[in-house]
Amino acid sequence: RELSLFRSRHMAVDDTNPLARKLNKVLDTSLDSNKEMLEALKTLSSFFAKNTLRNRRSLRSDVEKRSLVICEQFANCFAEVKQAAKEHTVDLLVQTTKLQAE
């Protein structure tokens, strides 16, 4: 309730300010109903333990490194799928050639 009073006094006047609009959007978000946002915040909190200047400055780098690791894992898994598909294609070509020869 106090937060909405604060918003109505301080933010409603300045809706043309992009920062105020973004802040209003965040303040209007209900985390109870937004499961994706809640999960994202839980994930973020798992590697952002303390609110220090150093941690805040390195947060972007940490997120990008984690994203890179995930992308590399996906690429490795996809390479295995691609190789299996290639082998399956070769097997199908061999079988097709044998059937055509008969």
PDB file of N, CA and C in Angstrom:
ATOM      1  N   ARG A   1       0.828  -1.190   0.000  1.00  0.00           N
ATOM      2  CA  ARG A   1       0.000   0.000   0.000  1.00  0.00           C
ATOM      3  C   ARG A   1       0.874   1.257   0.000  1.00  0.00           C
ATOM      4  N   GLU A   2       1.931   1.242   0.839  1.00  0.00           N
ATOM      5  CA  GLU A   2       2.833   2.396   0.899  1.00  0.00           C
ATOM      6  C   GLU A   2       3.496   2.635  -0.446  1.00  0.00           C
ATOM      7  N   LEU A   3       3.840   1.547  -1.131  1.00  0.00           N
ATOM      8  CA  LEU A   3       4.488   1.655  -2.430  1.00  0.00           C
ATOM      9  C   LEU A   3       3.560   2.313  -3.441  1.00  0.00           C
ATOM     10  N   SER A   4       2.285   1.938  -3.432  1.00  0.00           N
ATOM     11  CA  SER A   4       1.354   2.555  -4.372  1.00  0.00           C
ATOM     12  C   SER A   4       1.142   4.034  -4.048  1.00  0.00           C
ATOM     13  N   LEU A   5       1.164   4.392  -2.780  1.00  0.00           N
ATOM     14  CA  LEU A   5       1.059   5.810  -2.420  1.00  0.00           C
ATOM     15  C   LEU A   5       2.273   6.575  -2.916  1.00  0.00           C
ATOM     16  N   PHE A   6       3.443   5.959  -2.768  1.00  0.00           N
ATOM     17  CA  PHE A   6       4.671   6.583  -3.262  1.00  0.00           C
ATOM     18  C   PHE A   6       4.585   6.799  -4.765  1.00  0.00           C
ATOM     19  N   ARG A   7       4.143   5.764  -5.464  1.00  0.00           N
ATOM     20  CA  ARG A   7       4.043   5.859  -6.925  1.00  0.00           C
ATOM     21  C   ARG A   7       3.048   6.929  -7.331  1.00  0.00           C
ATOM     22  N   SER A   8       1.926   6.958  -6.666  1.00  0.00           N
ATOM     23  CA  SER A   8       0.913   7.932  -7.075  1.00  0.00           C
ATOM     24  C   SER A   8       1.382   9.362  -6.824  1.00  0.00           C
ATOM     25  N   ARG A   9       2.166   9.572  -5.787  1.00  0.00           N
ATOM     26  CA  ARG A   9       2.649  10.928  -5.503  1.00  0.00           C
ATOM     27  C   ARG A   9       3.814  11.325  -6.386  1.00  0.00           C
ATOM     28  N   HIS A  10       4.723  10.378  -6.648  1.00  0.00           N
ATOM     29  CA  HIS A  10       5.988  10.729  -7.285  1.00  0.00           C
ATOM     30  C   HIS A  10       6.102  10.324  -8.749  1.00  0.00           C
ATOM     31  N   MET A  11       5.362   9.327  -9.182  1.00  0.00           N
ATOM     32  CA  MET A  11       5.559   8.812 -10.522  1.00  0.00           C
ATOM     33  C   MET A  11       4.450   9.203 -11.495  1.00  0.00           C
ATOM     34  N   ALA A  12       3.266   9.345 -11.032  1.00  0.00           N
ATOM     35  CA  ALA A  12       2.142   9.596 -11.938  1.00  0.00           C
ATOM     36  C   ALA A  12       2.325  10.898 -12.711  1.00  0.00           C
ATOM     37  N   VAL A  13       2.963  11.861 -12.135  1.00  0.00           N
ATOM     38  CA  VAL A  13       3.159  13.149 -12.773  1.00  0.00           C
ATOM     39  C   VAL A  13       4.137  13.035 -13.934  1.00  0.00           C
ATOM     40  N   ASP A  14       5.072  12.096 -13.851  1.00  0.00           N
ATOM     41  CA  ASP A  14       6.183  12.037 -14.800  1.00  0.00           C
ATOM     42  C   ASP A  14       6.089  10.825 -15.725  1.00  0.00           C
ATOM     43  N   ASP A  15       4.939  10.580 -16.342  1.00  0.00           N
ATOM     44  CA  ASP A  15       4.781   9.441 -17.236  1.00  0.00           C
ATOM     45  C   ASP A  15       5.504   9.627 -18.559  1.00  0.00           C
ATOM     46  N   THR A  16       5.954  10.825 -18.871  1.00  0.00           N
ATOM     47  CA  THR A  16       6.696  11.038 -20.109  1.00  0.00           C
ATOM     48  C   THR A  16       8.161  10.623 -19.959  1.00  0.00           C
ATOM     49  N   ASN A  17       8.617  10.488 -18.760  1.00  0.00           N
ATOM     50  CA  ASN A  17       9.990  10.073 -18.497  1.00  0.00           C
ATOM     51  C   ASN A  17      10.115   8.569 -18.732  1.00  0.00           C
ATOM     52  N   PRO A  18      11.022   8.136 -19.646  1.00  0.00           N
ATOM     53  CA  PRO A  18      11.156   6.702 -19.934  1.00  0.00           C
ATOM     54  C   PRO A  18      11.551   5.884 -18.696  1.00  0.00           C
ATOM     55  N   LEU A  19      12.388   6.435 -17.866  1.00  0.00           N
ATOM     56  CA  LEU A  19      12.791   5.722 -16.656  1.00  0.00           C
ATOM     57  C   LEU A  19      11.610   5.539 -15.715  1.00  0.00           C
ATOM     58  N   ALA A  20      10.775   6.561 -15.609  1.00  0.00           N
ATOM     59  CA  ALA A  20       9.590   6.466 -14.754  1.00  0.00           C
ATOM     60  C   ALA A  20       8.628   5.416 -15.299  1.00  0.00           C
ATOM     61  N   ARG A  21       8.470   5.346 -16.617  1.00  0.00           N
ATOM     62  CA  ARG A  21       7.587   4.331 -17.207  1.00  0.00           C
ATOM     63  C   ARG A  21       8.106   2.928 -16.915  1.00  0.00           C
ATOM     64  N   LYS A  22       9.425   2.753 -17.058  1.00  0.00           N
ATOM     65  CA  LYS A  22      10.006   1.435 -16.784  1.00  0.00           C
ATOM     66  C   LYS A  22       9.855   1.073 -15.314  1.00  0.00           C
ATOM     67  N   LEU A  23      10.098   2.035 -14.449  1.00  0.00           N
ATOM     68  CA  LEU A  23       9.951   1.787 -13.021  1.00  0.00           C
ATOM     69  C   LEU A  23       8.511   1.444 -12.681  1.00  0.00           C
ATOM     70  N   ASN A  24       7.555   2.153 -13.265  1.00  0.00           N
ATOM     71  CA  ASN A  24       6.140   1.850 -13.050  1.00  0.00           C
ATOM     72  C   ASN A  24       5.810   0.440 -13.509  1.00  0.00           C
ATOM     73  N   LYS A  25       6.372   0.038 -14.637  1.00  0.00           N
ATOM     74  CA  LYS A  25       6.119  -1.302 -15.155  1.00  0.00           C
ATOM     75  C   LYS A  25       6.645  -2.356 -14.180  1.00  0.00           C
ATOM     76  N   VAL A  26       7.841  -2.148 -13.655  1.00  0.00           N
ATOM     77  CA  VAL A  26       8.413  -3.092 -12.693  1.00  0.00           C
ATOM     78  C   VAL A  26       7.591  -3.124 -11.412  1.00  0.00           C
ATOM     79  N   LEU A  27       7.194  -1.959 -10.942  1.00  0.00           N
ATOM     80  CA  LEU A  27       6.421  -1.891  -9.700  1.00  0.00           C
ATOM     81  C   LEU A  27       5.040  -2.515  -9.854  1.00  0.00           C
ATOM     82  N   ASP A  28       4.496  -2.500 -11.069  1.00  0.00           N
ATOM     83  CA  ASP A  28       3.182  -3.088 -11.313  1.00  0.00           C
ATOM     84  C   ASP A  28       3.235  -4.592 -11.524  1.00  0.00           C
ATOM     85  N   THR A  29       4.429  -5.151 -11.676  1.00  0.00           N
ATOM     86  CA  THR A  29       4.582  -6.580 -11.934  1.00  0.00           C
ATOM     87  C   THR A  29       4.323  -7.381 -10.670  1.00  0.00           C
ATOM     88  N   SER A  30       3.501  -8.386 -10.805  1.00  0.00           N
ATOM     89  CA  SER A  30       3.226  -9.289  -9.690  1.00  0.00           C
ATOM     90  C   SER A  30       4.056 -10.550  -9.886  1.00  0.00           C
ATOM     91  N   LEU A  31       4.986 -10.791  -8.986  1.00  0.00           N
ATOM     92  CA  LEU A  31       5.853 -11.952  -9.117  1.00  0.00           C
ATOM     93  C   LEU A  31       5.112 -13.247  -8.821  1.00  0.00           C
ATOM     94  N   ASP A  32       4.050 -13.183  -8.055  1.00  0.00           N
ATOM     95  CA  ASP A  32       3.297 -14.389  -7.741  1.00  0.00           C
ATOM     96  C   ASP A  32       2.679 -15.001  -8.988  1.00  0.00           C
ATOM     97  N   SER A  33       2.220 -14.172  -9.899  1.00  0.00           N
ATOM     98  CA  SER A  33       1.574 -14.677 -11.107  1.00  0.00           C
ATOM     99  C   SER A  33       2.541 -14.822 -12.273  1.00  0.00           C
ATOM    100  N   ASN A  34       3.729 -14.244 -12.182  1.00  0.00           N
ATOM    101  CA  ASN A  34       4.695 -14.296 -13.269  1.00  0.00           C
ATOM    102  C   ASN A  34       5.780 -15.316 -12.920  1.00  0.00           C
ATOM    103  N   LYS A  35       5.516 -16.575 -13.232  1.00  0.00           N
ATOM    104  CA  LYS A  35       6.434 -17.672 -12.870  1.00  0.00           C
ATOM    105  C   LYS A  35       7.776 -17.552 -13.583  1.00  0.00           C
ATOM    106  N   GLU A  36       7.767 -17.097 -14.849  1.00  0.00           N
ATOM    107  CA  GLU A  36       9.019 -16.977 -15.595  1.00  0.00           C
ATOM    108  C   GLU A  36       9.940 -15.947 -14.943  1.00  0.00           C
ATOM    109  N   MET A  37       9.376 -14.818 -14.525  1.00  0.00           N
ATOM    110  CA  MET A  37      10.167 -13.780 -13.879  1.00  0.00           C
ATOM    111  C   MET A  37      10.718 -14.293 -12.550  1.00  0.00           C
ATOM    112  N   LEU A  38       9.897 -15.014 -11.811  1.00  0.00           N
ATOM    113  CA  LEU A  38      10.328 -15.558 -10.529  1.00  0.00           C
ATOM    114  C   LEU A  38      11.475 -16.538 -10.709  1.00  0.00           C
ATOM    115  N   GLU A  39      11.375 -17.415 -11.707  1.00  0.00           N
ATOM    116  CA  GLU A  39      12.449 -18.366 -11.990  1.00  0.00           C
ATOM    117  C   GLU A  39      13.726 -17.640 -12.413  1.00  0.00           C
ATOM    118  N   ALA A  40      13.578 -16.598 -13.228  1.00  0.00           N
ATOM    119  CA  ALA A  40      14.749 -15.831 -13.670  1.00  0.00           C
ATOM    120  C   ALA A  40      15.437 -15.167 -12.486  1.00  0.00           C
ATOM    121  N   LEU A  41      14.652 -14.624 -11.574  1.00  0.00           N
ATOM    122  CA  LEU A  41      15.234 -13.989 -10.397  1.00  0.00           C
ATOM    123  C   LEU A  41      15.914 -15.007  -9.487  1.00  0.00           C
ATOM    124  N   LYS A  42      15.326 -16.192  -9.360  1.00  0.00           N
ATOM    125  CA  LYS A  42      15.954 -17.251  -8.556  1.00  0.00           C
ATOM    126  C   LYS A  42      17.278 -17.664  -9.161  1.00  0.00           C
ATOM    127  N   THR A  43      17.309 -17.815 -10.492  1.00  0.00           N
ATOM    128  CA  THR A  43      18.547 -18.181 -11.181  1.00  0.00           C
ATOM    129  C   THR A  43      19.595 -17.091 -10.998  1.00  0.00           C
ATOM    130  N   LEU A  44      19.177 -15.860 -11.165  1.00  0.00           N
ATOM    131  CA  LEU A  44      20.096 -14.737 -11.007  1.00  0.00           C
ATOM    132  C   LEU A  44      20.655 -14.687  -9.593  1.00  0.00           C
ATOM    133  N   SER A  45      19.819 -14.945  -8.611  1.00  0.00           N
ATOM    134  CA  SER A  45      20.279 -14.879  -7.225  1.00  0.00           C
ATOM    135  C   SER A  45      21.253 -15.996  -6.892  1.00  0.00           C
ATOM    136  N   SER A  46      21.245 -17.069  -7.689  1.00  0.00           N
ATOM    137  CA  SER A  46      22.156 -18.181  -7.395  1.00  0.00           C
ATOM    138  C   SER A  46      23.620 -17.817  -7.661  1.00  0.00           C
ATOM    139  N   PHE A  47      23.880 -16.840  -8.522  1.00  0.00           N
ATOM    140  CA  PHE A  47      25.276 -16.455  -8.731  1.00  0.00           C
ATOM    141  C   PHE A  47      25.521 -14.973  -8.496  1.00  0.00           C
ATOM    142  N   PHE A  48      24.622 -14.337  -7.803  1.00  0.00           N
ATOM    143  CA  PHE A  48      24.783 -12.940  -7.415  1.00  0.00           C
ATOM    144  C   PHE A  48      24.480 -12.863  -5.924  1.00  0.00           C
ATOM    145  N   ALA A  49      25.407 -13.392  -5.117  1.00  0.00           N
ATOM    146  CA  ALA A  49      25.154 -13.582  -3.693  1.00  0.00           C
ATOM    147  C   ALA A  49      25.158 -12.272  -2.898  1.00  0.00           C
ATOM    148  N   LYS A  50      26.198 -11.481  -3.067  1.00  0.00           N
ATOM    149  CA  LYS A  50      26.314 -10.255  -2.274  1.00  0.00           C
ATOM    150  C   LYS A  50      26.193  -9.034  -3.175  1.00  0.00           C
ATOM    151  N   ASN A  51      25.553  -8.005  -2.670  1.00  0.00           N
ATOM    152  CA  ASN A  51      25.345  -6.781  -3.434  1.00  0.00           C
ATOM    153  C   ASN A  51      26.526  -5.835  -3.184  1.00  0.00           C
ATOM    154  N   THR A  52      27.642  -6.171  -3.825  1.00  0.00           N
ATOM    155  CA  THR A  52      28.822  -5.326  -3.697  1.00  0.00           C
ATOM    156  C   THR A  52      29.081  -4.625  -5.028  1.00  0.00           C
ATOM    157  N   LEU A  53      29.869  -3.586  -4.974  1.00  0.00           N
ATOM    158  CA  LEU A  53      30.201  -2.835  -6.189  1.00  0.00           C
ATOM    159  C   LEU A  53      30.875  -3.751  -7.207  1.00  0.00           C
ATOM    160  N   ARG A  54      31.795  -4.566  -6.753  1.00  0.00           N
ATOM    161  CA  ARG A  54      32.510  -5.483  -7.649  1.00  0.00           C
ATOM    162  C   ARG A  54      31.543  -6.475  -8.303  1.00  0.00           C
ATOM    163  N   ASN A  55      30.626  -7.030  -7.515  1.00  0.00           N
ATOM    164  CA  ASN A  55      29.658  -7.981  -8.059  1.00  0.00           C
ATOM    165  C   ASN A  55      28.735  -7.319  -9.071  1.00  0.00           C
ATOM    166  N   ARG A  56      28.300  -6.111  -8.775  1.00  0.00           N
ATOM    167  CA  ARG A  56      27.423  -5.408  -9.718  1.00  0.00           C
ATOM    168  C   ARG A  56      28.145  -5.129 -11.021  1.00  0.00           C
ATOM    169  N   ARG A  57      29.418  -4.773 -10.931  1.00  0.00           N
ATOM    170  CA  ARG A  57      30.191  -4.477 -12.141  1.00  0.00           C
ATOM    171  C   ARG A  57      30.473  -5.733 -12.964  1.00  0.00           C
ATOM    172  N   SER A  58      30.625  -6.858 -12.305  1.00  0.00           N
ATOM    173  CA  SER A  58      30.944  -8.084 -13.036  1.00  0.00           C
ATOM    174  C   SER A  58      29.710  -8.910 -13.384  1.00  0.00           C
ATOM    175  N   LEU A  59      28.525  -8.461 -13.010  1.00  0.00           N
ATOM    176  CA  LEU A  59      27.305  -9.219 -13.261  1.00  0.00           C
ATOM    177  C   LEU A  59      27.104  -9.492 -14.752  1.00  0.00           C
ATOM    178  N   ARG A  60      27.249  -8.488 -15.581  1.00  0.00           N
ATOM    179  CA  ARG A  60      27.051  -8.682 -17.019  1.00  0.00           C
ATOM    180  C   ARG A  60      28.031  -9.707 -17.568  1.00  0.00           C
ATOM    181  N   SER A  61      29.282  -9.596 -17.162  1.00  0.00           N
ATOM    182  CA  SER A  61      30.295 -10.542 -17.613  1.00  0.00           C
ATOM    183  C   SER A  61      29.946 -11.964 -17.163  1.00  0.00           C
ATOM    184  N   ASP A  62      29.504 -12.102 -15.921  1.00  0.00           N
ATOM    185  CA  ASP A  62      29.133 -13.422 -15.400  1.00  0.00           C
ATOM    186  C   ASP A  62      27.956 -14.013 -16.174  1.00  0.00           C
ATOM    187  N   VAL A  63      26.962 -13.195 -16.471  1.00  0.00           N
ATOM    188  CA  VAL A  63      25.795 -13.665 -17.224  1.00  0.00           C
ATOM    189  C   VAL A  63      26.226 -14.075 -18.635  1.00  0.00           C
ATOM    190  N   GLU A  64      27.085 -13.287 -19.269  1.00  0.00           N
ATOM    191  CA  GLU A  64      27.546 -13.611 -20.615  1.00  0.00           C
ATOM    192  C   GLU A  64      28.380 -14.892 -20.622  1.00  0.00           C
ATOM    193  N   LYS A  65      29.217 -15.091 -19.608  1.00  0.00           N
ATOM    194  CA  LYS A  65      30.008 -16.324 -19.524  1.00  0.00           C
ATOM    195  C   LYS A  65      29.095 -17.531 -19.349  1.00  0.00           C
ATOM    196  N   ARG A  66      28.090 -17.398 -18.502  1.00  0.00           N
ATOM    197  CA  ARG A  66      27.152 -18.500 -18.282  1.00  0.00           C
ATOM    198  C   ARG A  66      26.383 -18.797 -19.567  1.00  0.00           C
ATOM    199  N   SER A  67      25.998 -17.757 -20.278  1.00  0.00           N
ATOM    200  CA  SER A  67      25.292 -17.928 -21.547  1.00  0.00           C
ATOM    201  C   SER A  67      26.183 -18.632 -22.569  1.00  0.00           C
ATOM    202  N   LEU A  68      27.445 -18.272 -22.604  1.00  0.00           N
ATOM    203  CA  LEU A  68      28.390 -18.897 -23.520  1.00  0.00           C
ATOM    204  C   LEU A  68      28.541 -20.386 -23.216  1.00  0.00           C
ATOM    205  N   VAL A  69      28.632 -20.735 -21.941  1.00  0.00           N
ATOM    206  CA  VAL A  69      28.746 -22.145 -21.548  1.00  0.00           C
ATOM    207  C   VAL A  69      27.511 -22.921 -22.007  1.00  0.00           C
ATOM    208  N   ILE A  70      26.331 -22.332 -21.817  1.00  0.00           N
ATOM    209  CA  ILE A  70      25.092 -22.996 -22.237  1.00  0.00           C
ATOM    210  C   ILE A  70      25.072 -23.177 -23.751  1.00  0.00           C
ATOM    211  N   CYS A  71      25.491 -22.148 -24.485  1.00  0.00           N
ATOM    212  CA  CYS A  71      25.526 -22.233 -25.951  1.00  0.00           C
ATOM    213  C   CYS A  71      26.517 -23.295 -26.417  1.00  0.00           C
ATOM    214  N   GLU A  72      27.665 -23.385 -25.763  1.00  0.00           N
ATOM    215  CA  GLU A  72      28.657 -24.404 -26.121  1.00  0.00           C
ATOM    216  C   GLU A  72      28.119 -25.806 -25.851  1.00  0.00           C
ATOM    217  N   GLN A  73      27.431 -25.978 -24.729  1.00  0.00           N
ATOM    218  CA  GLN A  73      26.834 -27.284 -24.427  1.00  0.00           C
ATOM    219  C   GLN A  73      25.797 -27.654 -25.482  1.00  0.00           C
ATOM    220  N   PHE A  74      24.981 -26.685 -25.874  1.00  0.00           N
ATOM    221  CA  PHE A  74      23.979 -26.936 -26.911  1.00  0.00           C
ATOM    222  C   PHE A  74      24.659 -27.304 -28.223  1.00  0.00           C
ATOM    223  N   ALA A  75      25.708 -26.577 -28.588  1.00  0.00           N
ATOM    224  CA  ALA A  75      26.419 -26.857 -29.840  1.00  0.00           C
ATOM    225  C   ALA A  75      27.015 -28.260 -29.820  1.00  0.00           C
ATOM    226  N   ASN A  76      27.569 -28.660 -28.690  1.00  0.00           N
ATOM    227  CA  ASN A  76      28.144 -30.003 -28.578  1.00  0.00           C
ATOM    228  C   ASN A  76      27.064 -31.078 -28.721  1.00  0.00           C
ATOM    229  N   CYS A  77      25.939 -30.878 -28.053  1.00  0.00           N
ATOM    230  CA  CYS A  77      24.828 -31.834 -28.166  1.00  0.00           C
ATOM    231  C   CYS A  77      24.296 -31.874 -29.593  1.00  0.00           C
ATOM    232  N   PHE A  78      24.178 -30.728 -30.206  1.00  0.00           N
ATOM    233  CA  PHE A  78      23.677 -30.671 -31.573  1.00  0.00           C
ATOM    234  C   PHE A  78      24.652 -31.338 -32.538  1.00  0.00           C
ATOM    235  N   ALA A  79      25.947 -31.212 -32.281  1.00  0.00           N
ATOM    236  CA  ALA A  79      26.945 -31.865 -33.134  1.00  0.00           C
ATOM    237  C   ALA A  79      26.771 -33.377 -33.083  1.00  0.00           C
ATOM    238  N   GLU A  80      26.451 -33.901 -31.905  1.00  0.00           N
ATOM    239  CA  GLU A  80      26.216 -35.347 -31.769  1.00  0.00           C
ATOM    240  C   GLU A  80      24.973 -35.754 -32.567  1.00  0.00           C
ATOM    241  N   VAL A  81      23.920 -34.955 -32.488  1.00  0.00           N
ATOM    242  CA  VAL A  81      22.693 -35.239 -33.239  1.00  0.00           C
ATOM    243  C   VAL A  81      22.973 -35.172 -34.734  1.00  0.00           C
ATOM    244  N   LYS A  82      23.734 -34.172 -35.144  1.00  0.00           N
ATOM    245  CA  LYS A  82      24.074 -34.008 -36.560  1.00  0.00           C
ATOM    246  C   LYS A  82      24.873 -35.213 -37.066  1.00  0.00           C
ATOM    247  N   GLN A  83      25.813 -35.674 -36.256  1.00  0.00           N
ATOM    248  CA  GLN A  83      26.627 -36.831 -36.648  1.00  0.00           C
ATOM    249  C   GLN A  83      25.758 -38.084 -36.746  1.00  0.00           C
ATOM    250  N   ALA A  84      24.850 -38.272 -35.808  1.00  0.00           N
ATOM    251  CA  ALA A  84      23.955 -39.433 -35.849  1.00  0.00           C
ATOM    252  C   ALA A  84      23.054 -39.372 -37.081  1.00  0.00           C
ATOM    253  N   ALA A  85      22.560 -38.189 -37.413  1.00  0.00           N
ATOM    254  CA  ALA A  85      21.717 -38.034 -38.608  1.00  0.00           C
ATOM    255  C   ALA A  85      22.513 -38.326 -39.863  1.00  0.00           C
ATOM    256  N   LYS A  86      23.754 -37.896 -39.878  1.00  0.00           N
ATOM    257  CA  LYS A  86      24.620 -38.146 -41.039  1.00  0.00           C
ATOM    258  C   LYS A  86      24.843 -39.648 -41.214  1.00  0.00           C
ATOM    259  N   GLU A  87      25.116 -40.338 -40.121  1.00  0.00           N
ATOM    260  CA  GLU A  87      25.319 -41.791 -40.181  1.00  0.00           C
ATOM    261  C   GLU A  87      24.042 -42.489 -40.633  1.00  0.00           C
ATOM    262  N   HIS A  88      22.910 -42.026 -40.160  1.00  0.00           N
ATOM    263  CA  HIS A  88      21.634 -42.611 -40.552  1.00  0.00           C
ATOM    264  C   HIS A  88      21.383 -42.385 -42.045  1.00  0.00           C
ATOM    265  N   THR A  89      21.735 -41.225 -42.546  1.00  0.00           N
ATOM    266  CA  THR A  89      21.573 -40.917 -43.964  1.00  0.00           C
ATOM    267  C   THR A  89      22.445 -41.839 -44.809  1.00  0.00           C
ATOM    268  N   VAL A  90      23.672 -42.058 -44.378  1.00  0.00           N
ATOM    269  CA  VAL A  90      24.576 -42.953 -45.106  1.00  0.00           C
ATOM    270  C   VAL A  90      23.997 -44.367 -45.119  1.00  0.00           C
ATOM    271  N   ASP A  91      23.490 -44.831 -43.974  1.00  0.00           N
ATOM    272  CA  ASP A  91      22.876 -46.167 -43.907  1.00  0.00           C
ATOM    273  C   ASP A  91      21.686 -46.264 -44.858  1.00  0.00           C
ATOM    274  N   LEU A  92      20.852 -45.225 -44.900  1.00  0.00           N
ATOM    275  CA  LEU A  92      19.701 -45.230 -45.804  1.00  0.00           C
ATOM    276  C   LEU A  92      20.135 -45.264 -47.267  1.00  0.00           C
ATOM    277  N   LEU A  93      21.186 -44.524 -47.590  1.00  0.00           N
ATOM    278  CA  LEU A  93      21.693 -44.530 -48.971  1.00  0.00           C
ATOM    279  C   LEU A  93      22.220 -45.907 -49.353  1.00  0.00           C
ATOM    280  N   VAL A  94      22.912 -46.546 -48.426  1.00  0.00           N
ATOM    281  CA  VAL A  94      23.431 -47.896 -48.690  1.00  0.00           C
ATOM    282  C   VAL A  94      22.274 -48.861 -48.904  1.00  0.00           C
ATOM    283  N   GLN A  95      21.279 -48.803 -48.054  1.00  0.00           N
ATOM    284  CA  GLN A  95      20.128 -49.692 -48.180  1.00  0.00           C
ATOM    285  C   GLN A  95      19.363 -49.418 -49.471  1.00  0.00           C
ATOM    286  N   THR A  96      19.204 -48.163 -49.825  1.00  0.00           N
ATOM    287  CA  THR A  96      18.501 -47.795 -51.060  1.00  0.00           C
ATOM    288  C   THR A  96      19.252 -48.330 -52.271  1.00  0.00           C
ATOM    289  N   THR A  97      20.569 -48.196 -52.258  1.00  0.00           N
ATOM    290  CA  THR A  97      21.387 -48.685 -53.363  1.00  0.00           C
ATOM    291  C   THR A  97      21.253 -50.201 -53.492  1.00  0.00           C
ATOM    292  N   LYS A  98      21.263 -50.921 -52.372  1.00  0.00           N
ATOM    293  CA  LYS A  98      21.124 -52.379 -52.391  1.00  0.00           C
ATOM    294  C   LYS A  98      19.769 -52.783 -52.943  1.00  0.00           C
ATOM    295  N   LEU A  99      18.720 -52.065 -52.508  1.00  0.00           N
ATOM    296  CA  LEU A  99      17.376 -52.400 -52.984  1.00  0.00           C
ATOM    297  C   LEU A  99      17.215 -52.112 -54.470  1.00  0.00           C
ATOM    298  N   GLN A 100      17.842 -51.078 -54.957  1.00  0.00           N
ATOM    299  CA  GLN A 100      17.753 -50.749 -56.374  1.00  0.00           C
ATOM    300  C   GLN A 100      18.527 -51.750 -57.210  1.00  0.00           C
ATOM    301  N   ALA A 101      19.579 -52.325 -56.640  1.00  0.00           N
ATOM    302  CA  ALA A 101      20.392 -53.305 -57.370  1.00  0.00           C
ATOM    303  C   ALA A 101      19.658 -54.635 -57.490  1.00  0.00           C
ATOM    304  N   GLU A 102      18.745 -54.903 -56.602  1.00  0.00           N
ATOM    305  CA  GLU A 102      18.024 -56.192 -56.643  1.00  0.00           C
ATOM    306  C   GLU A 102      17.020 -56.251 -57.690  1.00  0.00           C
TER     307      GLU A 102
END
